[in-house]
C-alpha atoms as a PDB file:
ATOM      1  CA  MET A   1     144.376 -56.033-105.990  1.00  0.00           C
ATOM      2  CA  THR A   2     143.524 -59.546-104.845  1.00  0.00           C
ATOM      3  CA  LEU A   3     143.223 -61.212-108.237  1.00  0.00           C
ATOM      4  CA  GLU A   4     145.524 -64.192-108.530  1.00  0.00           C
ATOM      5  CA  PRO A   5     148.709 -63.700-110.606  1.00  0.00           C
ATOM      6  CA  THR A   6     147.523 -66.364-113.053  1.00  0.00           C
ATOM      7  CA  THR A   7     144.227 -64.499-113.491  1.00  0.00           C
ATOM      8  CA  ILE A   8     146.079 -61.258-114.163  1.00  0.00           C
ATOM      9  CA  ALA A   9     148.250 -63.006-116.749  1.00  0.00           C
ATOM     10  CA  ILE A  10     145.175 -64.419-118.512  1.00  0.00           C
ATOM     11  CA  ILE A  11     143.460 -61.021-118.601  1.00  0.00           C
ATOM     12  CA  GLU A  12     146.574 -59.402-120.066  1.00  0.00           C
ATOM     13  CA  LEU A  13     146.925 -62.188-122.639  1.00  0.00           C
ATOM     14  CA  ALA A  14     143.333 -61.752-123.762  1.00  0.00           C
ATOM     15  CA  TRP A  15     143.657 -57.993-124.157  1.00  0.00           C
ATOM     16  CA  ALA A  16     146.999 -58.314-125.936  1.00  0.00           C
ATOM     17  CA  ARG A  17     145.321 -60.500-128.547  1.00  0.00           C
ATOM     18  CA  LEU A  18     142.225 -58.301-128.766  1.00  0.00           C
ATOM     19  CA  LEU A  19     144.399 -55.238-129.381  1.00  0.00           C
ATOM     20  CA  GLY A  20     146.619 -56.946-131.939  1.00  0.00           C
ATOM     21  CA  LEU A  21     149.721 -57.106-129.740  1.00  0.00           C
ATOM     22  CA  ALA A  22     152.206 -59.873-129.028  1.00  0.00           C
ATOM     23  CA  ASP A  23     151.059 -62.303-126.341  1.00  0.00           C
ATOM     24  CA  ASP A  24     153.774 -61.080-123.972  1.00  0.00           C
ATOM     25  CA  ALA A  25     153.242 -57.366-124.660  1.00  0.00           C
ATOM     26  CA  PHE A  26     152.085 -56.423-121.160  1.00  0.00           C
ATOM     27  CA  PRO A  27     154.794 -58.189-119.111  1.00  0.00           C
ATOM     28  CA  ASN A  28     157.459 -57.001-121.563  1.00  0.00           C
ATOM     29  CA  ALA A  29     156.250 -53.396-121.297  1.00  0.00           C
ATOM     30  CA  ARG A  30     156.418 -53.664-117.521  1.00  0.00           C
ATOM     31  CA  LYS A  31     159.896 -55.175-117.678  1.00  0.00           C
ATOM     32  CA  ASP A  32     161.070 -52.384-119.990  1.00  0.00           C
ATOM     33  CA  GLY A  33     159.527 -49.679-117.804  1.00  0.00           C
ATOM     34  CA  LEU A  34     156.956 -48.644-120.411  1.00  0.00           C
ATOM     35  CA  GLU A  35     153.705 -47.142-119.162  1.00  0.00           C
ATOM     36  CA  ARG A  36     152.060 -47.085-122.594  1.00  0.00           C
ATOM     37  CA  ILE A  37     152.093 -49.356-125.620  1.00  0.00           C
ATOM     38  CA  THR A  38     151.025 -47.972-129.003  1.00  0.00           C
ATOM     39  CA  ARG A  39     150.029 -49.784-132.167  1.00  0.00           C
ATOM     40  CA  VAL A  40     149.473 -48.031-135.470  1.00  0.00           C
ATOM     41  CA  ASP A  41     146.435 -49.120-137.454  1.00  0.00           C
ATOM     42  CA  ASP A  42     145.846 -46.648-140.252  1.00  0.00           C
ATOM     43  CA  ASP A  43     142.802 -48.610-141.432  1.00  0.00           C
ATOM     44  CA  ALA A  44     141.098 -48.478-138.038  1.00  0.00           C
ATOM     45  CA  ARG A  45     137.653 -46.947-137.817  1.00  0.00           C
ATOM     46  CA  THR A  46     138.103 -46.441-134.088  1.00  0.00           C
ATOM     47  CA  VAL A  47     140.658 -45.044-131.689  1.00  0.00           C
ATOM     48  CA  THR A  48     140.878 -47.150-128.527  1.00  0.00           C
ATOM     49  CA  PHE A  49     142.705 -46.578-125.268  1.00  0.00           C
ATOM     50  CA  VAL A  50     142.770 -49.430-122.757  1.00  0.00           C
ATOM     51  CA  LYS A  51     144.443 -49.310-119.362  1.00  0.00           C
ATOM     52  CA  ILE A  52     144.926 -52.763-117.862  1.00  0.00           C
ATOM     53  CA  PHE A  53     146.409 -52.692-114.382  1.00  0.00           C
ATOM     54  CA  ASP A  54     149.429 -50.372-114.763  1.00  0.00           C
ATOM     55  CA  VAL A  55     149.953 -50.461-118.550  1.00  0.00           C
ATOM     56  CA  GLY A  56     148.048 -48.383-121.104  1.00  0.00           C
ATOM     57  CA  VAL A  57     147.536 -49.285-124.769  1.00  0.00           C
ATOM     58  CA  LEU A  58     146.527 -46.899-127.537  1.00  0.00           C
ATOM     59  CA  VAL A  59     145.517 -48.277-130.927  1.00  0.00           C
ATOM     60  CA  GLY A  60     144.503 -46.204-133.923  1.00  0.00           C
ATOM     61  CA  PRO A  61     145.797 -44.299-136.965  1.00  0.00           C
ATOM     62  CA  GLN A  62     149.211 -42.667-136.762  1.00  0.00           C
ATOM     63  CA  TRP A  63     147.737 -39.168-136.530  1.00  0.00           C
ATOM     64  CA  ALA A  64     145.865 -40.185-133.367  1.00  0.00           C
ATOM     65  CA  LEU A  65     148.960 -41.661-131.748  1.00  0.00           C
ATOM     66  CA  ASP A  66     150.907 -38.506-132.576  1.00  0.00           C
ATOM     67  CA  ALA A  67     148.203 -36.279-131.110  1.00  0.00           C
ATOM     68  CA  ALA A  68     148.112 -38.332-127.904  1.00  0.00           C
ATOM     69  CA  ALA A  69     151.859 -38.380-127.360  1.00  0.00           C
ATOM     70  CA  GLY A  70     151.814 -35.573-124.807  1.00  0.00           C
ATOM     71  CA  ILE A  71     148.654 -36.643-122.980  1.00  0.00           C
ATOM     72  CA  ASP A  72     148.871 -38.672-119.781  1.00  0.00           C
ATOM     73  CA  ASP A  73     146.928 -41.903-119.311  1.00  0.00           C
ATOM     74  CA  GLU A  74     144.481 -40.492-116.784  1.00  0.00           C
ATOM     75  CA  SER A  75     143.409 -37.807-119.237  1.00  0.00           C
ATOM     76  CA  LEU A  76     143.377 -40.173-122.214  1.00  0.00           C
ATOM     77  CA  ALA A  77     140.967 -42.484-120.385  1.00  0.00           C
ATOM     78  CA  ARG A  78     138.352 -39.689-120.390  1.00  0.00           C
ATOM     79  CA  HIS A  79     135.836 -39.798-123.220  1.00  0.00           C
ATOM     80  CA  SER A  80     135.974 -35.999-123.524  1.00  0.00           C
ATOM     81  CA  THR A  81     139.732 -36.134-124.158  1.00  0.00           C
ATOM     82  CA  MET A  82     139.335 -38.767-126.874  1.00  0.00           C
ATOM     83  CA  LEU A  83     136.598 -36.722-128.523  1.00  0.00           C
ATOM     84  CA  ASP A  84     138.850 -33.647-128.540  1.00  0.00           C
ATOM     85  CA  LEU A  85     141.701 -35.741-129.901  1.00  0.00           C
ATOM     86  CA  THR A  86     139.608 -36.966-132.848  1.00  0.00           C
ATOM     87  CA  ARG A  87     137.460 -33.888-133.447  1.00  0.00           C
ATOM     88  CA  ASP A  88     138.987 -33.164-136.874  1.00  0.00           C
ATOM     89  CA  HIS A  89     138.118 -36.724-137.896  1.00  0.00           C
ATOM     90  CA  ALA A  90     134.516 -36.581-136.652  1.00  0.00           C
ATOM     91  CA  GLY A  91     135.172 -38.740-133.596  1.00  0.00           C
ATOM     92  CA  HIS A  92     131.983 -39.799-131.806  1.00  0.00           C
ATOM     93  CA  GLY A  93     130.673 -42.463-129.346  1.00  0.00           C
ATOM     94  CA  LEU A  94     131.313 -45.038-127.874  1.00  0.00           C
ATOM     95  CA  GLY A  95     132.359 -43.837-124.434  1.00  0.00           C
ATOM     96  CA  ALA A  96     134.466 -44.735-121.427  1.00  0.00           C
ATOM     97  CA  ALA A  97     133.953 -47.845-119.332  1.00  0.00           C
ATOM     98  CA  ALA A  98     135.463 -49.572-116.333  1.00  0.00           C
ATOM     99  CA  LEU A  99     136.651 -53.169-116.686  1.00  0.00           C
ATOM    100  CA  TYR A 100     136.006 -55.573-113.820  1.00  0.00           C
ATOM    101  CA  TYR A 101     137.119 -59.169-113.202  1.00  0.00           C
ATOM    102  CA  SER A 102     136.763 -61.910-110.632  1.00  0.00           C
ATOM    103  CA  ASP A 103     138.320 -65.277-109.918  1.00  0.00           C
ATOM    104  CA  VAL A 104     136.275 -66.043-106.804  1.00  0.00           C
ATOM    105  CA  LEU A 105     132.731 -67.348-107.064  1.00  0.00           C
ATOM    106  CA  LEU A 106     130.294 -65.398-104.910  1.00  0.00           C
ATOM    107  CA  GLU A 107     127.660 -67.478-103.133  1.00  0.00           C
ATOM    108  CA  ILE A 108     124.326 -66.233-104.487  1.00  0.00           C
ATOM    109  CA  ASP A 109     121.351 -68.510-105.071  1.00  0.00           C
ATOM    110  CA  PRO A 110     119.134 -67.145-107.877  1.00  0.00           C
ATOM    111  CA  SER A 111     116.585 -69.918-107.247  1.00  0.00           C
ATOM    112  CA  GLU A 112     115.520 -67.945-104.188  1.00  0.00           C
ATOM    113  CA  VAL A 113     114.193 -65.258-106.537  1.00  0.00           C
ATOM    114  CA  ALA A 114     112.926 -67.115-109.618  1.00  0.00           C
ATOM    115  CA  ALA A 115     113.581 -70.163-111.771  1.00  0.00           C
ATOM    116  CA  VAL A 116     116.515 -70.043-114.174  1.00  0.00           C
ATOM    117  CA  SER A 117     115.851 -70.657-117.862  1.00  0.00           C
ATOM    118  CA  ARG A 118     118.307 -71.173-120.718  1.00  0.00           C
ATOM    119  CA  ASP A 119     115.606 -70.698-123.340  1.00  0.00           C
ATOM    120  CA  PRO A 120     116.759 -67.789-125.579  1.00  0.00           C
ATOM    121  CA  GLY A 121     113.111 -66.871-126.001  1.00  0.00           C
ATOM    122  CA  HIS A 122     112.992 -65.732-122.395  1.00  0.00           C
ATOM    123  CA  CYS A 123     115.909 -63.332-122.936  1.00  0.00           C
ATOM    124  CA  ALA A 124     114.128 -62.020-126.022  1.00  0.00           C
ATOM    125  CA  GLU A 125     111.074 -61.453-123.811  1.00  0.00           C
ATOM    126  CA  VAL A 126     113.189 -59.393-121.401  1.00  0.00           C
ATOM    127  CA  GLU A 127     114.531 -57.287-124.280  1.00  0.00           C
ATOM    128  CA  GLY A 128     110.998 -56.694-125.503  1.00  0.00           C
ATOM    129  CA  GLN A 129     110.150 -54.985-122.217  1.00  0.00           C
ATOM    130  CA  CYS A 130     113.207 -52.674-122.176  1.00  0.00           C
ATOM    131  CA  PRO A 131     114.054 -49.351-123.863  1.00  0.00           C
ATOM    132  CA  PRO A 132     115.989 -49.643-127.160  1.00  0.00           C
ATOM    133  CA  ASP A 133     119.062 -47.873-125.728  1.00  0.00           C
ATOM    134  CA  ASP A 134     119.354 -50.464-122.965  1.00  0.00           C
ATOM    135  CA  VAL A 135     118.802 -53.324-125.398  1.00  0.00           C
ATOM    136  CA  ASN A 136     121.497 -52.039-127.758  1.00  0.00           C
ATOM    137  CA  GLU A 137     123.994 -51.433-124.960  1.00  0.00           C
ATOM    138  CA  VAL A 138     123.719 -54.928-123.482  1.00  0.00           C
ATOM    139  CA  GLY A 139     123.023 -57.034-126.577  1.00  0.00           C
ATOM    140  CA  LEU A 140     121.466 -59.780-124.455  1.00  0.00           C
ATOM    141  CA  THR A 141     120.088 -61.972-127.237  1.00  0.00           C
ATOM    142  CA  ALA A 142     123.405 -61.839-129.115  1.00  0.00           C
ATOM    143  CA  PHE A 143     125.317 -63.570-126.309  1.00  0.00           C
ATOM    144  CA  ASP A 144     126.766 -67.033-126.926  1.00  0.00           C
ATOM    145  CA  GLU A 145     125.304 -68.189-123.610  1.00  0.00           C
ATOM    146  CA  GLN A 146     122.009 -66.812-122.241  1.00  0.00           C
ATOM    147  CA  PHE A 147     120.175 -67.193-118.940  1.00  0.00           C
ATOM    148  CA  ALA A 148     116.926 -65.705-117.658  1.00  0.00           C
ATOM    149  CA  LEU A 149     115.027 -65.459-114.396  1.00  0.00           C
ATOM    150  CA  VAL A 150     111.429 -66.572-114.870  1.00  0.00           C
ATOM    151  CA  THR A 151     108.594 -66.201-112.334  1.00  0.00           C
ATOM    152  CA  ASP A 152     106.169 -68.955-111.389  1.00  0.00           C
ATOM    153  CA  SER A 153     103.692 -67.416-113.814  1.00  0.00           C
ATOM    154  CA  GLY A 154     106.200 -67.814-116.659  1.00  0.00           C
ATOM    155  CA  GLN A 155     107.191 -64.164-117.019  1.00  0.00           C
ATOM    156  CA  ALA A 156     110.833 -63.467-117.861  1.00  0.00           C
ATOM    157  CA  ILE A 157     112.006 -60.624-115.639  1.00  0.00           C
ATOM    158  CA  ALA A 158     115.795 -60.503-116.067  1.00  0.00           C
ATOM    159  CA  GLY A 159     118.446 -61.933-118.341  1.00  0.00           C
ATOM    160  CA  SER A 160     122.197 -62.330-118.436  1.00  0.00           C
ATOM    161  CA  GLY A 161     124.790 -63.995-120.609  1.00  0.00           C
ATOM    162  CA  TYR A 162     128.257 -63.818-122.035  1.00  0.00           C
ATOM    163  CA  ASN A 163     130.356 -63.973-125.159  1.00  0.00           C
ATOM    164  CA  VAL A 164     133.685 -65.793-125.147  1.00  0.00           C
ATOM    165  CA  TRP A 165     136.636 -63.559-126.009  1.00  0.00           C
ATOM    166  CA  GLU A 166     139.818 -65.181-127.280  1.00  0.00           C
ATOM    167  CA  GLY A 167     138.709 -68.480-125.765  1.00  0.00           C
ATOM    168  CA  ILE A 168     139.571 -67.318-122.224  1.00  0.00           C
ATOM    169  CA  ILE A 169     137.380 -64.353-121.191  1.00  0.00           C
ATOM    170  CA  ALA A 170     133.620 -64.425-120.589  1.00  0.00           C
ATOM    171  CA  HIS A 171     132.362 -60.935-121.438  1.00  0.00           C
ATOM    172  CA  LEU A 172     129.175 -60.520-119.396  1.00  0.00           C
ATOM    173  CA  GLY A 173     126.073 -58.397-119.604  1.00  0.00           C
ATOM    174  CA  SER A 174     122.635 -58.315-117.983  1.00  0.00           C
ATOM    175  CA  LEU A 175     119.260 -56.692-118.478  1.00  0.00           C
ATOM    176  CA  VAL A 176     116.305 -56.292-116.117  1.00  0.00           C
ATOM    177  CA  THR A 177     112.783 -55.205-116.989  1.00  0.00           C
ATOM    178  CA  PRO A 178     112.375 -51.510-116.064  1.00  0.00           C
ATOM    179  CA  ASP A 179     109.647 -51.962-113.446  1.00  0.00           C
ATOM    180  CA  LEU A 180     111.757 -54.437-111.443  1.00  0.00           C
ATOM    181  CA  ARG A 181     115.106 -52.656-111.376  1.00  0.00           C
ATOM    182  CA  ARG A 182     117.013 -51.768-108.196  1.00  0.00           C
ATOM    183  CA  GLN A 183     115.840 -54.969-106.520  1.00  0.00           C
ATOM    184  CA  GLY A 184     119.040 -56.986-106.948  1.00  0.00           C
ATOM    185  CA  LEU A 185     117.821 -58.984-109.944  1.00  0.00           C
ATOM    186  CA  ALA A 186     120.822 -58.009-112.080  1.00  0.00           C
ATOM    187  CA  THR A 187     123.110 -59.377-109.381  1.00  0.00           C
ATOM    188  CA  TYR A 188     121.184 -62.639-109.139  1.00  0.00           C
ATOM    189  CA  VAL A 189     120.942 -63.360-112.849  1.00  0.00           C
ATOM    190  CA  THR A 190     124.542 -62.322-113.513  1.00  0.00           C
ATOM    191  CA  ALA A 191     125.664 -64.709-110.770  1.00  0.00           C
ATOM    192  CA  VAL A 192     124.199 -67.525-112.887  1.00  0.00           C
ATOM    193  CA  ALA A 193     126.279 -66.489-115.895  1.00  0.00           C
ATOM    194  CA  VAL A 194     129.403 -66.045-113.746  1.00  0.00           C
ATOM    195  CA  GLU A 195     129.042 -69.539-112.292  1.00  0.00           C
ATOM    196  CA  GLU A 196     128.612 -71.080-115.743  1.00  0.00           C
ATOM    197  CA  ALA A 197     131.580 -69.129-117.128  1.00  0.00           C
ATOM    198  CA  MET A 198     133.877 -70.206-114.311  1.00  0.00           C
ATOM    199  CA  ALA A 199     132.705 -73.808-114.673  1.00  0.00           C
ATOM    200  CA  SER A 200     133.843 -73.567-118.303  1.00  0.00           C
ATOM    201  CA  GLY A 201     137.295 -72.347-117.250  1.00  0.00           C
ATOM    202  CA  LEU A 202     136.707 -68.735-118.298  1.00  0.00           C
ATOM    203  CA  ILE A 203     137.589 -65.504-116.487  1.00  0.00           C
ATOM    204  CA  PRO A 204     134.409 -63.401-116.128  1.00  0.00           C
ATOM    205  CA  GLN A 205     134.635 -59.789-117.286  1.00  0.00           C
ATOM    206  CA  TRP A 206     132.141 -57.028-116.491  1.00  0.00           C
ATOM    207  CA  ARG A 207     132.255 -53.751-118.404  1.00  0.00           C
ATOM    208  CA  ALA A 208     130.319 -50.757-117.067  1.00  0.00           C
ATOM    209  CA  ARG A 209     130.127 -47.245-118.433  1.00  0.00           C
ATOM    210  CA  LEU A 210     131.784 -44.863-116.014  1.00  0.00           C
ATOM    211  CA  ASP A 211     128.526 -42.926-115.686  1.00  0.00           C
ATOM    212  CA  ASN A 212     126.416 -46.045-115.045  1.00  0.00           C
ATOM    213  CA  GLN A 213     126.415 -46.327-111.272  1.00  0.00           C
ATOM    214  CA  ALA A 214     123.866 -49.148-111.245  1.00  0.00           C
ATOM    215  CA  SER A 215     126.089 -51.316-113.436  1.00  0.00           C
ATOM    216  CA  ARG A 216     129.149 -50.528-111.349  1.00  0.00           C
ATOM    217  CA  SER A 217     127.214 -51.401-108.203  1.00  0.00           C
ATOM    218  CA  THR A 218     126.310 -54.772-109.714  1.00  0.00           C
ATOM    219  CA  ALA A 219     130.009 -55.476-110.253  1.00  0.00           C
ATOM    220  CA  ALA A 220     130.751 -54.606-106.634  1.00  0.00           C
ATOM    221  CA  LYS A 221     127.938 -56.808-105.318  1.00  0.00           C
ATOM    222  CA  LEU A 222     129.307 -59.703-107.349  1.00  0.00           C
ATOM    223  CA  GLY A 223     132.743 -59.266-105.805  1.00  0.00           C
ATOM    224  CA  PHE A 224     134.382 -58.069-109.026  1.00  0.00           C
ATOM    225  CA  GLU A 225     137.491 -55.897-108.912  1.00  0.00           C
ATOM    226  CA  GLN A 226     138.172 -53.022-111.278  1.00  0.00           C
ATOM    227  CA  ALA A 227     141.340 -53.754-113.202  1.00  0.00           C
ATOM    228  CA  GLY A 228     141.245 -51.099-115.892  1.00  0.00           C
ATOM    229  CA  THR A 229     139.331 -48.885-118.270  1.00  0.00           C
ATOM    230  CA  GLN A 230     138.432 -48.860-121.941  1.00  0.00           C
ATOM    231  CA  THR A 231     137.748 -45.677-123.905  1.00  0.00           C
ATOM    232  CA  THR A 232     136.800 -45.845-127.573  1.00  0.00           C
ATOM    233  CA  VAL A 233     135.664 -43.355-130.191  1.00  0.00           C
ATOM    234  CA  LEU A 234     134.360 -44.072-133.648  1.00  0.00           C
ATOM    235  CA  LEU A 235     135.793 -42.281-136.665  1.00  0.00           C
ATOM    236  CA  ALA A 236     133.802 -41.003-139.610  1.00  0.00           C
END
């Protein structure tokens, strides 16, 4: 792991707050020799397991925490395990994903491919050319910050953006029109969002489903490092 210690601390702080833990939950767990933190939320409509670096966190109703007590982290990170765990409560979706981060800006010049636009209408144009499942997974037009690659003819061909989590993490996503995929456009347009996020003092985060090799390849091309996993199921 080559992420700077300060970057690691910021990532852990963000996830501690997102999961409803104390700000120092991760370093304290490490100091106390704990490999897993649990938090009971009997009103939760999800069960979530997050593994950040070497510490796991499980959040959900008490019955879920009890059922997971004898399951190791590697197994709990699998979507199939979480579905089995919540079967009696109609657990379904959302899936397992890898979490990637970077604190080094990769030199990529998107202008070599197409002009960059910050007009949200161009990202909406990209969504309009993509399958609904892809649109729903990325949520491009819902991002706080949006960027698009636009050809000389004015056609939007790829979009990226990010939401700000806890004021310190830039949660990224990108979408490319189906007929132009596997040409590196996701890497180029995401590089724009990464540069803007870092310029704003944010740590960029990339989340890719474990079965989405194209998304994981984009993270690798951008120089991101996998730092953990997130597995979530919805409850009825």
